[in-house]
N, C-alpha and C. Protein backbone atom coordinates (compact mmCIF):
# COMPACT_ATOMS: atom_id res chain seq x y z
N MET A 1 -16.24 -9.09 38.02
CA MET A 1 -16.79 -7.97 38.45
C MET A 1 -16.54 -7.30 37.06
N VAL A 2 -17.88 -7.12 36.82
CA VAL A 2 -18.76 -6.15 35.84
C VAL A 2 -17.76 -4.91 35.44
N VAL A 3 -17.40 -4.29 34.21
CA VAL A 3 -16.54 -3.22 34.66
C VAL A 3 -17.06 -2.82 33.21
N ALA A 4 -18.17 -3.23 32.23
CA ALA A 4 -18.77 -2.26 31.49
C ALA A 4 -20.42 -3.05 30.48
N THR A 5 -21.19 -2.45 30.09
CA THR A 5 -21.65 -2.90 29.89
C THR A 5 -22.05 -2.43 27.84
N ILE A 6 -23.00 -3.44 27.20
CA ILE A 6 -23.18 -3.67 25.80
C ILE A 6 -24.16 -2.24 25.45
N GLU A 7 -24.87 -1.94 24.24
CA GLU A 7 -25.72 -1.04 24.17
C GLU A 7 -25.84 -1.41 23.10
N ARG A 8 -26.82 -1.82 22.29
CA ARG A 8 -27.22 -2.14 20.89
C ARG A 8 -28.23 -0.85 20.11
N ARG A 9 -27.55 -0.79 18.87
CA ARG A 9 -28.82 0.24 18.22
C ARG A 9 -28.97 -0.38 16.74
N ALA A 10 -30.49 -0.24 17.11
CA ALA A 10 -30.37 -1.10 15.30
C ALA A 10 -30.40 -0.31 14.32
N VAL A 11 -29.89 0.55 14.27
CA VAL A 11 -29.30 1.40 13.06
C VAL A 11 -27.89 0.83 12.52
N LEU A 12 -27.44 0.44 13.63
CA LEU A 12 -25.61 0.52 13.69
C LEU A 12 -25.70 -1.20 13.52
N ASP A 13 -24.18 -1.88 12.55
CA ASP A 13 -24.21 -3.03 12.70
C ASP A 13 -22.74 -3.11 12.98
N GLY A 14 -23.52 -3.44 14.41
CA GLY A 14 -22.25 -3.37 15.56
C GLY A 14 -22.76 -3.19 17.02
N PHE A 15 -22.09 -2.84 18.05
CA PHE A 15 -22.78 -2.73 19.02
C PHE A 15 -21.85 -1.70 19.84
N THR A 16 -22.42 -0.85 21.13
CA THR A 16 -21.33 0.17 21.75
C THR A 16 -21.09 -0.39 23.14
N VAL A 17 -19.19 -0.64 23.39
CA VAL A 17 -19.36 -1.18 24.89
C VAL A 17 -19.23 0.38 26.06
N ASN A 18 -19.89 -0.24 26.62
CA ASN A 18 -20.09 1.44 27.60
C ASN A 18 -18.85 0.91 29.18
N PRO A 19 -17.66 1.42 29.00
CA PRO A 19 -16.83 0.74 30.44
C PRO A 19 -17.39 1.67 31.12
N LYS A 20 -16.97 1.41 33.04
CA LYS A 20 -17.08 1.92 33.66
C LYS A 20 -16.55 3.14 33.52
N GLU A 21 -15.23 2.90 33.40
CA GLU A 21 -14.11 3.82 33.39
C GLU A 21 -13.37 4.06 31.78
N GLY A 22 -13.57 5.44 31.51
CA GLY A 22 -13.14 5.80 30.37
C GLY A 22 -13.90 5.55 29.23
N SER A 23 -13.98 6.15 27.90
CA SER A 23 -14.75 6.11 27.17
C SER A 23 -15.64 5.25 26.24
N PRO A 24 -16.77 4.68 25.70
CA PRO A 24 -17.09 4.18 25.14
C PRO A 24 -16.71 3.61 23.51
N PHE A 25 -16.57 2.68 23.24
CA PHE A 25 -16.18 2.15 21.65
C PHE A 25 -16.78 1.49 21.15
N PHE A 26 -16.92 1.73 19.62
CA PHE A 26 -17.59 0.83 18.94
C PHE A 26 -17.29 -0.76 18.23
N VAL A 27 -17.65 -1.72 18.79
CA VAL A 27 -17.36 -3.11 17.65
C VAL A 27 -18.80 -3.35 16.50
N PRO A 28 -17.91 -3.59 15.73
CA PRO A 28 -18.80 -4.23 14.41
C PRO A 28 -18.64 -5.55 14.92
N ASN A 29 -19.74 -5.94 14.19
CA ASN A 29 -20.36 -7.73 13.91
C ASN A 29 -19.63 -8.02 13.32
N TYR A 30 -18.74 -7.58 11.77
CA TYR A 30 -18.17 -8.39 10.89
C TYR A 30 -17.05 -9.25 11.74
N LEU A 31 -16.25 -8.16 12.64
CA LEU A 31 -15.47 -8.43 13.40
C LEU A 31 -15.82 -9.93 14.41
N LEU A 32 -16.77 -10.04 14.41
CA LEU A 32 -17.25 -11.29 15.61
C LEU A 32 -17.47 -12.71 14.65
N ASP A 33 -17.67 -12.53 13.21
CA ASP A 33 -17.84 -13.47 12.62
C ASP A 33 -16.70 -14.90 12.67
N ALA A 34 -15.86 -14.43 13.16
CA ALA A 34 -14.32 -15.52 13.65
C ALA A 34 -15.29 -16.18 15.01
N TYR A 35 -15.94 -15.77 15.77
CA TYR A 35 -16.37 -16.06 17.29
C TYR A 35 -17.82 -16.25 16.83
N PRO A 36 -18.53 -17.36 16.56
CA PRO A 36 -20.05 -17.54 16.23
C PRO A 36 -20.67 -17.90 17.75
N ASP A 37 -19.83 -18.32 18.15
CA ASP A 37 -20.30 -18.64 19.44
C ASP A 37 -20.66 -17.74 20.43
N LEU A 38 -19.92 -16.38 19.81
CA LEU A 38 -20.19 -15.45 21.21
C LEU A 38 -21.26 -14.26 20.53
N VAL A 39 -22.32 -13.88 21.00
CA VAL A 39 -23.27 -13.32 20.86
C VAL A 39 -23.66 -12.08 21.92
N PHE A 40 -23.40 -10.89 21.51
CA PHE A 40 -23.77 -10.25 22.83
C PHE A 40 -25.29 -9.15 22.26
N TYR A 41 -25.62 -9.07 23.66
CA TYR A 41 -27.07 -8.35 23.53
C TYR A 41 -27.09 -7.03 24.23
N SER A 42 -27.99 -6.06 24.05
CA SER A 42 -28.18 -4.89 24.43
C SER A 42 -28.20 -5.39 26.30
N GLY A 43 -27.51 -4.87 27.17
CA GLY A 43 -27.55 -4.66 28.54
C GLY A 43 -26.49 -5.90 29.08
N ASP A 44 -26.24 -6.57 28.31
CA ASP A 44 -25.21 -7.41 28.91
C ASP A 44 -23.84 -6.91 29.40
N GLU A 45 -23.43 -7.58 31.02
CA GLU A 45 -22.82 -6.88 31.25
C GLU A 45 -21.50 -7.63 31.10
N ILE A 46 -20.64 -7.03 31.46
CA ILE A 46 -18.73 -7.34 30.85
C ILE A 46 -17.67 -7.65 31.51
N ASN A 47 -17.02 -8.15 31.79
CA ASN A 47 -16.09 -8.39 32.73
C ASN A 47 -14.83 -7.67 32.18
N GLU A 48 -13.46 -7.38 32.95
CA GLU A 48 -12.41 -7.54 32.38
C GLU A 48 -11.79 -7.95 31.03
N GLU A 49 -11.72 -9.57 31.33
CA GLU A 49 -11.47 -9.96 30.13
C GLU A 49 -12.14 -10.03 29.18
N GLY A 50 -13.32 -9.75 29.31
CA GLY A 50 -14.16 -9.43 27.81
C GLY A 50 -14.03 -7.91 27.49
N LEU A 51 -13.93 -7.12 28.43
CA LEU A 51 -13.66 -5.84 27.57
C LEU A 51 -12.45 -6.01 27.18
N THR A 52 -11.20 -6.45 27.80
CA THR A 52 -10.00 -6.49 26.87
C THR A 52 -10.04 -7.08 25.51
N PHE A 53 -10.53 -8.23 25.55
CA PHE A 53 -11.35 -8.64 24.07
C PHE A 53 -11.45 -7.51 23.20
N LEU A 54 -13.00 -7.43 23.72
CA LEU A 54 -13.46 -6.17 23.14
C LEU A 54 -13.07 -4.82 22.56
N LYS A 55 -12.00 -4.15 22.94
CA LYS A 55 -11.15 -3.06 22.91
C LYS A 55 -10.14 -3.74 21.87
N SER A 56 -9.79 -4.86 22.16
CA SER A 56 -8.43 -5.27 21.10
C SER A 56 -9.73 -5.17 19.36
N LEU A 57 -10.82 -5.83 19.64
CA LEU A 57 -11.98 -6.04 18.29
C LEU A 57 -11.86 -4.59 17.76
N SER A 58 -12.14 -3.43 18.99
CA SER A 58 -12.31 -2.16 18.40
C SER A 58 -11.32 -1.17 17.57
N ARG A 59 -10.30 -1.85 18.55
CA ARG A 59 -8.96 -1.01 17.66
C ARG A 59 -8.52 -2.14 16.30
N ILE A 60 -9.03 -3.11 16.22
CA ILE A 60 -8.64 -3.71 14.79
C ILE A 60 -9.55 -2.80 13.90
N HIS A 61 -11.06 -2.78 14.29
CA HIS A 61 -11.51 -1.72 13.50
C HIS A 61 -11.23 -0.32 13.12
N LEU A 62 -10.65 0.21 14.09
CA LEU A 62 -10.17 1.65 13.68
C LEU A 62 -9.14 1.39 12.65
N CYS A 63 -8.06 0.54 13.05
CA CYS A 63 -6.91 0.38 11.84
C CYS A 63 -7.49 0.10 10.73
N ARG A 64 -8.37 -0.85 10.63
CA ARG A 64 -8.90 -0.98 8.88
C ARG A 64 -9.74 0.12 8.60
N THR A 65 -10.04 1.11 9.31
CA THR A 65 -10.96 2.34 8.67
C THR A 65 -9.93 3.14 8.33
N LYS A 66 -9.03 3.48 9.34
CA LYS A 66 -7.67 4.28 8.75
C LYS A 66 -7.03 3.77 7.83
N ALA A 67 -6.79 2.07 7.29
CA ALA A 67 -6.37 1.35 6.12
C ALA A 67 -6.99 2.30 4.98
N ILE A 68 -8.38 2.07 5.30
CA ILE A 68 -9.19 1.88 4.05
C ILE A 68 -8.93 3.94 3.65
N ASP A 69 -8.85 4.56 4.62
CA ASP A 69 -9.04 5.83 4.45
C ASP A 69 -7.49 6.11 3.10
N LEU A 70 -6.48 5.59 3.79
CA LEU A 70 -5.31 5.93 3.37
C LEU A 70 -5.45 5.20 1.57
N LEU A 71 -5.79 4.22 1.63
CA LEU A 71 -5.87 3.48 0.29
C LEU A 71 -6.97 4.15 -0.82
N SER A 72 -8.07 4.89 -0.37
CA SER A 72 -8.83 5.89 -0.74
C SER A 72 -8.22 7.05 -1.56
N ARG A 73 -6.79 7.11 -1.16
CA ARG A 73 -6.65 8.70 -1.75
C ARG A 73 -5.75 8.23 -2.68
N ARG A 74 -4.91 7.15 -2.64
CA ARG A 74 -4.01 6.22 -3.70
C ARG A 74 -3.47 4.79 -3.06
N GLU A 75 -3.16 3.86 -4.33
CA GLU A 75 -2.81 2.48 -4.24
C GLU A 75 -1.49 2.78 -3.27
N HIS A 76 -1.35 2.05 -2.67
CA HIS A 76 -0.36 1.55 -1.57
C HIS A 76 0.37 -0.22 -1.92
N SER A 77 1.08 -0.09 -1.68
CA SER A 77 1.93 -1.23 -1.32
C SER A 77 1.87 -2.08 0.16
N THR A 78 1.68 -2.69 0.54
CA THR A 78 1.51 -4.15 1.54
C THR A 78 2.65 -3.04 2.90
N PHE A 79 4.15 -3.11 2.27
CA PHE A 79 4.97 -2.39 2.77
C PHE A 79 4.73 -0.98 3.36
N GLU A 80 4.00 -0.22 2.40
CA GLU A 80 4.25 1.48 2.42
C GLU A 80 2.57 1.63 3.51
N LEU A 81 1.71 0.78 3.42
CA LEU A 81 0.60 0.63 4.32
C LEU A 81 0.80 0.47 5.85
N THR A 82 1.31 -0.87 5.63
CA THR A 82 2.01 -0.85 7.15
C THR A 82 2.75 -0.04 7.92
N ASN A 83 3.80 0.40 7.11
CA ASN A 83 4.61 1.49 7.76
C ASN A 83 3.96 2.55 8.23
N LYS A 84 2.80 3.26 7.37
CA LYS A 84 2.24 4.24 7.64
C LYS A 84 0.80 3.79 9.05
N LEU A 85 0.49 3.23 8.85
CA LEU A 85 -0.43 2.40 10.28
C LEU A 85 0.28 2.39 11.10
N ARG A 86 2.08 2.13 11.37
CA ARG A 86 2.43 1.92 12.63
C ARG A 86 2.80 3.47 12.64
N LEU A 87 3.27 4.38 12.65
CA LEU A 87 3.36 5.94 12.26
C LEU A 87 2.26 6.23 13.52
N ARG A 88 0.48 5.50 12.89
CA ARG A 88 -0.39 6.03 13.52
C ARG A 88 -0.69 5.27 15.05
N ASP A 89 0.64 4.39 15.36
CA ASP A 89 0.44 3.80 16.70
C ASP A 89 -0.58 2.92 16.65
N PHE A 90 -1.07 1.77 15.37
CA PHE A 90 -1.24 0.96 15.46
C PHE A 90 -0.35 -0.66 15.83
N SER A 91 -0.64 -1.16 16.40
CA SER A 91 0.10 -2.23 16.94
C SER A 91 0.36 -3.54 15.79
N LYS A 92 1.48 -4.41 15.99
CA LYS A 92 2.06 -5.56 14.98
C LYS A 92 0.82 -5.80 14.54
N SER A 93 -0.16 -6.49 15.81
CA SER A 93 -1.14 -7.47 15.95
C SER A 93 -2.32 -7.03 15.31
N GLU A 94 -2.15 -5.59 15.13
CA GLU A 94 -3.97 -5.32 14.76
C GLU A 94 -3.40 -4.98 13.31
N ILE A 95 -2.61 -4.78 13.14
CA ILE A 95 -1.84 -4.66 11.54
C ILE A 95 -2.37 -5.55 10.56
N GLU A 96 -1.73 -6.54 11.36
CA GLU A 96 -1.51 -8.28 11.08
C GLU A 96 -3.19 -8.79 10.84
N ALA A 97 -3.51 -8.20 11.83
CA ALA A 97 -5.44 -8.94 11.98
C ALA A 97 -5.52 -7.92 10.48
N THR A 98 -5.42 -6.70 10.16
CA THR A 98 -5.95 -5.62 9.46
C THR A 98 -6.33 -6.28 7.88
N LEU A 99 -4.82 -6.40 7.59
CA LEU A 99 -3.68 -6.66 6.22
C LEU A 99 -5.06 -7.89 5.44
N PRO A 100 -5.32 -8.86 5.79
CA PRO A 100 -6.09 -9.64 5.54
C PRO A 100 -7.16 -9.40 4.97
N LEU A 101 -7.93 -8.86 6.10
CA LEU A 101 -9.14 -8.22 5.48
C LEU A 101 -9.58 -7.72 4.22
N LEU A 102 -8.64 -6.23 4.00
CA LEU A 102 -8.08 -5.51 3.23
C LEU A 102 -7.95 -6.55 1.59
N LYS A 103 -7.14 -7.72 1.90
CA LYS A 103 -6.45 -8.28 0.33
C LYS A 103 -7.73 -9.08 0.20
N GLU A 104 -8.70 -9.86 0.96
CA GLU A 104 -9.87 -10.57 0.97
C GLU A 104 -10.61 -9.78 -0.01
N LYS A 105 -10.75 -8.28 0.51
CA LYS A 105 -11.60 -7.44 -0.25
C LYS A 105 -11.09 -6.73 -1.99
N ASN A 106 -9.70 -6.75 -1.70
CA ASN A 106 -9.20 -6.45 -2.99
C ASN A 106 -8.47 -4.73 -2.52
N TYR A 107 -9.37 -4.56 -1.32
CA TYR A 107 -8.18 -2.86 -1.34
C TYR A 107 -7.28 -2.70 -1.40
N LEU A 108 -6.21 -3.85 -1.34
CA LEU A 108 -4.96 -3.98 -0.69
C LEU A 108 -4.44 -4.67 -1.73
N ASN A 109 -3.55 -4.50 -2.97
CA ASN A 109 -3.32 -5.36 -3.56
C ASN A 109 -2.16 -5.15 -4.28
N ASP A 110 -0.88 -5.60 -3.85
CA ASP A 110 -0.01 -5.45 -4.42
C ASP A 110 0.80 -5.59 -6.20
N ARG A 111 0.16 -6.49 -6.09
CA ARG A 111 0.25 -6.72 -8.17
C ARG A 111 -0.17 -5.08 -8.88
N ARG A 112 -1.48 -5.05 -8.40
CA ARG A 112 -2.20 -3.76 -8.80
C ARG A 112 -1.50 -2.17 -8.91
N PHE A 113 -0.70 -2.48 -7.55
CA PHE A 113 0.08 -1.58 -7.00
C PHE A 113 1.24 -1.38 -8.24
N THR A 114 1.83 -2.71 -7.99
CA THR A 114 3.24 -2.16 -8.68
C THR A 114 2.34 -1.67 -10.23
N GLU A 115 1.76 -2.41 -10.79
CA GLU A 115 1.37 -2.26 -11.98
C GLU A 115 0.84 -0.36 -12.12
N MET A 116 0.27 -0.11 -11.25
CA MET A 116 0.29 1.49 -11.12
C MET A 116 1.34 1.94 -11.21
N PHE A 117 2.07 2.06 -10.14
CA PHE A 117 3.59 2.76 -10.03
C PHE A 117 4.30 2.47 -11.24
N ILE A 118 4.38 1.42 -12.05
CA ILE A 118 5.16 1.90 -13.37
C ILE A 118 4.61 2.77 -14.35
N ILE A 119 3.39 2.42 -14.35
CA ILE A 119 2.40 3.40 -15.73
C ILE A 119 2.86 5.09 -15.12
N THR A 120 2.36 5.14 -13.85
CA THR A 120 2.52 6.77 -13.39
C THR A 120 3.83 7.13 -13.58
N ARG A 121 4.85 5.96 -13.11
CA ARG A 121 6.22 6.67 -13.20
C ARG A 121 6.92 7.31 -14.78
N LEU A 122 6.48 6.15 -15.53
CA LEU A 122 6.81 6.87 -16.11
C LEU A 122 6.30 8.02 -17.24
N ARG A 123 5.26 7.63 -16.44
CA ARG A 123 4.16 9.42 -17.27
C ARG A 123 5.12 10.44 -17.12
N LYS A 124 5.37 10.21 -15.39
CA LYS A 124 6.23 11.50 -14.89
C LYS A 124 7.04 12.02 -15.14
N LYS A 125 8.41 10.52 -15.55
CA LYS A 125 9.66 10.84 -15.60
C LYS A 125 10.17 9.72 -16.53
N PRO A 126 11.08 10.02 -17.70
CA PRO A 126 11.45 9.11 -18.18
C PRO A 126 12.53 8.47 -17.79
N GLU A 127 12.43 7.01 -17.00
CA GLU A 127 13.52 6.03 -16.15
C GLU A 127 13.48 4.94 -16.85
N GLY A 128 14.29 3.93 -16.66
CA GLY A 128 14.66 2.73 -17.12
C GLY A 128 13.99 1.71 -16.52
N LYS A 129 14.20 0.47 -16.86
CA LYS A 129 14.02 -0.43 -16.14
C LYS A 129 14.31 -0.46 -14.44
N ILE A 130 15.74 -0.51 -14.77
CA ILE A 130 16.51 -0.89 -13.57
C ILE A 130 16.67 -0.08 -12.04
N VAL A 131 16.24 1.17 -12.93
CA VAL A 131 15.70 2.08 -11.30
C VAL A 131 14.34 2.11 -10.87
N ILE A 132 13.44 1.85 -11.99
CA ILE A 132 12.19 1.79 -11.93
C ILE A 132 11.81 0.02 -10.56
N ILE A 133 12.62 -0.55 -11.12
CA ILE A 133 12.61 -2.00 -10.16
C ILE A 133 13.10 -1.10 -8.87
N LYS A 134 14.26 -0.82 -8.38
CA LYS A 134 15.12 -0.40 -7.32
C LYS A 134 13.98 0.60 -6.44
N ARG A 135 13.13 1.33 -7.35
CA ARG A 135 11.98 2.16 -6.92
C ARG A 135 11.26 1.03 -5.85
N LEU A 136 10.46 0.50 -6.84
CA LEU A 136 9.52 -0.92 -6.12
C LEU A 136 10.12 -1.66 -4.94
N GLN A 137 11.23 -2.00 -5.34
CA GLN A 137 12.18 -2.82 -4.04
C GLN A 137 11.98 -2.21 -2.55
N GLN A 138 12.62 -0.60 -2.87
CA GLN A 138 12.27 0.16 -1.47
C GLN A 138 10.85 -0.15 -0.71
N LYS A 139 9.92 0.09 -1.84
CA LYS A 139 8.63 -0.24 -1.29
C LYS A 139 7.81 -1.46 -0.90
N GLY A 140 8.91 -2.28 -1.07
CA GLY A 140 8.44 -3.93 -0.29
C GLY A 140 8.01 -5.14 -1.44
N ILE A 141 8.02 -4.33 -2.93
CA ILE A 141 8.03 -4.94 -3.81
C ILE A 141 9.21 -5.90 -4.31
N PRO A 142 9.21 -6.90 -4.05
CA PRO A 142 9.91 -8.35 -4.25
C PRO A 142 10.44 -8.09 -5.68
N TYR A 143 11.74 -8.16 -6.13
CA TYR A 143 12.57 -8.72 -7.33
C TYR A 143 11.65 -8.92 -8.28
N SER A 144 11.20 -10.33 -8.10
CA SER A 144 10.69 -11.05 -9.54
C SER A 144 9.30 -10.56 -9.74
N LEU A 145 8.73 -10.09 -8.89
CA LEU A 145 7.22 -9.66 -9.30
C LEU A 145 6.98 -8.10 -9.63
N ALA A 146 8.58 -7.39 -9.26
CA ALA A 146 8.50 -6.17 -9.98
C ALA A 146 9.03 -6.15 -11.51
N ASP A 147 10.22 -7.38 -11.61
CA ASP A 147 10.45 -7.63 -13.31
C ASP A 147 9.61 -8.19 -13.70
N GLU A 148 8.53 -9.63 -13.41
CA GLU A 148 7.59 -9.75 -14.28
C GLU A 148 6.71 -8.69 -14.50
N ILE A 149 5.61 -7.61 -14.06
CA ILE A 149 5.23 -7.11 -13.84
C ILE A 149 5.35 -5.72 -14.66
N TYR A 150 6.76 -5.27 -14.56
CA TYR A 150 7.23 -4.27 -15.76
C TYR A 150 7.61 -4.98 -17.05
N ASP A 151 7.88 -6.36 -16.94
CA ASP A 151 8.04 -6.85 -18.51
C ASP A 151 6.34 -7.14 -19.21
N SER A 152 5.10 -7.14 -17.93
CA SER A 152 3.85 -6.81 -18.74
C SER A 152 3.41 -5.93 -18.93
N VAL A 153 3.69 -4.77 -18.71
CA VAL A 153 3.18 -3.80 -19.06
C VAL A 153 4.09 -2.44 -19.55
N VAL A 154 4.99 -2.78 -19.87
CA VAL A 154 5.91 -2.00 -20.53
C VAL A 154 6.46 -2.60 -21.93
N SER A 155 5.96 -2.20 -22.85
CA SER A 155 5.91 -2.72 -24.36
C SER A 155 7.59 -2.54 -24.99
N SER A 156 7.57 -2.62 -25.67
CA SER A 156 9.18 -2.38 -26.29
C SER A 156 9.02 -0.82 -27.16
N ASP A 157 7.61 -0.69 -27.56
CA ASP A 157 7.90 0.77 -28.30
C ASP A 157 7.67 1.54 -27.38
N LEU A 158 6.64 0.72 -25.67
CA LEU A 158 6.70 2.28 -25.04
C LEU A 158 8.11 2.21 -24.05
N GLU A 159 9.14 1.35 -23.93
CA GLU A 159 10.59 1.51 -23.65
C GLU A 159 10.81 2.29 -24.30
N LYS A 160 11.39 1.98 -26.03
CA LYS A 160 11.59 2.87 -26.84
C LYS A 160 11.05 4.33 -26.77
N GLU A 161 9.97 4.68 -26.29
CA GLU A 161 9.68 6.08 -26.79
C GLU A 161 10.20 6.93 -25.15
N VAL A 162 10.34 6.42 -23.86
CA VAL A 162 10.44 6.52 -22.63
C VAL A 162 12.22 7.04 -22.68
N ILE A 163 12.94 6.01 -23.54
CA ILE A 163 14.52 6.45 -23.68
C ILE A 163 14.63 7.39 -24.69
N GLN A 164 14.11 7.75 -25.35
CA GLN A 164 14.01 8.78 -26.42
C GLN A 164 13.65 10.02 -25.81
N ARG A 165 12.38 9.91 -25.01
CA ARG A 165 12.24 11.12 -23.87
C ARG A 165 13.50 12.12 -22.98
N ALA A 166 14.00 10.64 -22.69
CA ALA A 166 15.21 10.97 -21.80
C ALA A 166 16.16 11.05 -22.62
N TYR A 167 16.45 11.11 -23.99
CA TYR A 167 17.61 11.19 -24.73
C TYR A 167 17.32 12.84 -25.03
N GLU A 168 16.15 13.29 -25.31
CA GLU A 168 16.01 14.40 -25.97
C GLU A 168 15.93 15.47 -24.59
N LYS A 169 15.58 15.24 -23.26
CA LYS A 169 15.99 16.18 -22.47
C LYS A 169 17.61 16.25 -21.89
N LEU A 170 17.86 15.22 -21.96
CA LEU A 170 19.55 15.18 -21.17
C LEU A 170 20.63 16.15 -22.46
N SER A 171 20.04 15.42 -24.13
CA SER A 171 21.08 16.13 -24.95
C SER A 171 20.80 17.63 -24.98
N LYS A 172 19.44 18.46 -24.37
CA LYS A 172 19.52 19.76 -24.35
C LYS A 172 20.40 20.21 -22.95
N LYS A 173 20.58 19.38 -22.27
CA LYS A 173 21.42 19.67 -21.16
C LYS A 173 22.73 19.92 -21.36
N PHE A 174 23.11 18.60 -21.87
CA PHE A 174 24.53 18.54 -22.52
C PHE A 174 25.12 18.25 -23.33
N GLY A 175 24.25 18.99 -24.81
CA GLY A 175 24.89 19.01 -25.63
C GLY A 175 25.89 18.32 -26.49
N ASP A 176 26.90 18.51 -27.15
CA ASP A 176 27.89 17.43 -27.44
C ASP A 176 28.43 16.41 -26.39
N ASN A 177 28.28 16.52 -25.08
CA ASN A 177 28.98 16.29 -24.37
C ASN A 177 28.48 14.41 -23.77
N ARG A 178 29.24 13.72 -25.08
CA ARG A 178 28.43 12.65 -24.95
C ARG A 178 28.87 11.36 -23.41
N GLU A 179 30.06 11.75 -22.92
CA GLU A 179 30.15 11.09 -22.05
C GLU A 179 29.06 11.36 -20.83
N LYS A 180 28.46 12.64 -20.20
CA LYS A 180 28.09 12.76 -19.32
C LYS A 180 26.44 12.63 -19.83
N LEU A 181 26.67 12.77 -21.25
CA LEU A 181 24.75 11.85 -21.34
C LEU A 181 24.55 10.55 -21.55
N ILE A 182 25.28 9.97 -21.62
CA ILE A 182 25.65 8.31 -21.07
C ILE A 182 25.69 8.50 -19.75
N ASN A 183 26.45 8.66 -19.15
CA ASN A 183 26.45 8.51 -17.62
C ASN A 183 24.92 8.89 -17.00
N SER A 184 24.47 10.04 -17.32
CA SER A 184 23.25 10.20 -16.96
C SER A 184 22.04 9.48 -17.44
N MET A 185 22.17 8.69 -18.24
CA MET A 185 21.13 7.95 -18.91
C MET A 185 21.36 6.76 -17.74
N LEU A 186 22.78 6.32 -17.99
CA LEU A 186 22.88 4.85 -17.37
C LEU A 186 22.21 5.29 -15.39
N LYS A 187 22.50 6.59 -15.17
CA LYS A 187 21.88 6.82 -14.05
C LYS A 187 20.67 6.47 -13.11
N LEU A 188 19.71 7.27 -14.92
CA LEU A 188 18.51 6.79 -15.08
C LEU A 188 17.60 5.68 -15.17
N GLY A 189 18.64 4.37 -15.20
CA GLY A 189 18.45 2.83 -15.02
C GLY A 189 18.27 2.48 -16.35
N PHE A 190 18.39 2.78 -17.35
CA PHE A 190 18.60 2.35 -18.87
C PHE A 190 20.07 1.73 -19.15
N SER A 191 19.95 0.56 -19.52
CA SER A 191 20.95 -0.40 -19.76
C SER A 191 21.83 0.60 -20.91
N TYR A 192 23.12 0.03 -21.00
CA TYR A 192 24.05 0.43 -21.88
C TYR A 192 23.60 0.09 -23.30
N SER A 193 23.09 -0.74 -23.57
CA SER A 193 22.74 -1.32 -25.34
C SER A 193 21.77 -0.72 -25.69
N SER A 194 20.75 -0.08 -24.74
CA SER A 194 19.86 0.61 -24.89
C SER A 194 20.21 1.83 -25.41
N ILE A 195 21.35 2.25 -24.54
CA ILE A 195 22.11 3.84 -24.61
C ILE A 195 22.49 4.02 -25.94
N LYS A 196 23.19 2.99 -26.03
CA LYS A 196 23.70 2.81 -27.60
C LYS A 196 23.33 3.09 -28.58
N GLU A 197 21.73 2.93 -28.41
CA GLU A 197 21.18 2.03 -29.74
C GLU A 197 20.50 3.46 -29.91
N ILE A 198 19.54 4.33 -28.73
CA ILE A 198 19.31 5.27 -28.72
C ILE A 198 20.33 6.86 -29.49
N LEU A 199 21.52 6.64 -29.35
CA LEU A 199 22.76 7.75 -29.51
C LEU A 199 22.45 7.24 -31.21
N GLU A 200 22.80 5.70 -31.96
CA GLU A 200 23.21 5.55 -33.12
C GLU A 200 21.66 6.49 -33.77
N GLU A 201 20.86 6.09 -33.25
CA GLU A 201 19.88 6.24 -33.90
C GLU A 201 19.17 7.46 -34.00
N ASN A 202 20.12 8.62 -33.29
CA ASN A 202 19.37 10.14 -32.87
C ASN A 202 20.84 10.98 -33.72
N SER A 203 21.87 10.28 -34.35
CA SER A 203 23.53 10.66 -34.49
C SER A 203 23.06 11.24 -35.91
């Protein structure tokens, strides 16, 4: 039973499906690359099974478009992006079909996200490695990757600069109260040994 027809336009890299019931929708050609035996021409008639299949491809295209829109605003981890797409009512299968396309084009890259997150976070607020890695784990980055990249992008000089900034900020707040100063720096993710060292240098 025919439930839809195909409409192709020369200027579009794909085609429009016109169902007998419901709204027309667009299917881009790139999503058919995995199906070389499937070719659609303008005027082709589509049955119920074909309509369901083409709708699923159209949803993947919409999911990819929304994902690229989100990634154009800032870097996201795979975990973050997945959650945002779920909130926009894309299904697990639609998201799983979209993510490889994004990674193949290097639009989505957890390593790049981790590097940018560390650099940006340290510019905004002085925090230690422990807290930075915890924040990354909350965004779905494995500990091993977060630890590796932190060590590669944060030099010993930068780490010293960050803890010095934290010390200067907190020492203004707590004055001579050494116990509160140390506890606050520990909460910011600095190790006790690095705190002890910065206190000795500023004594």
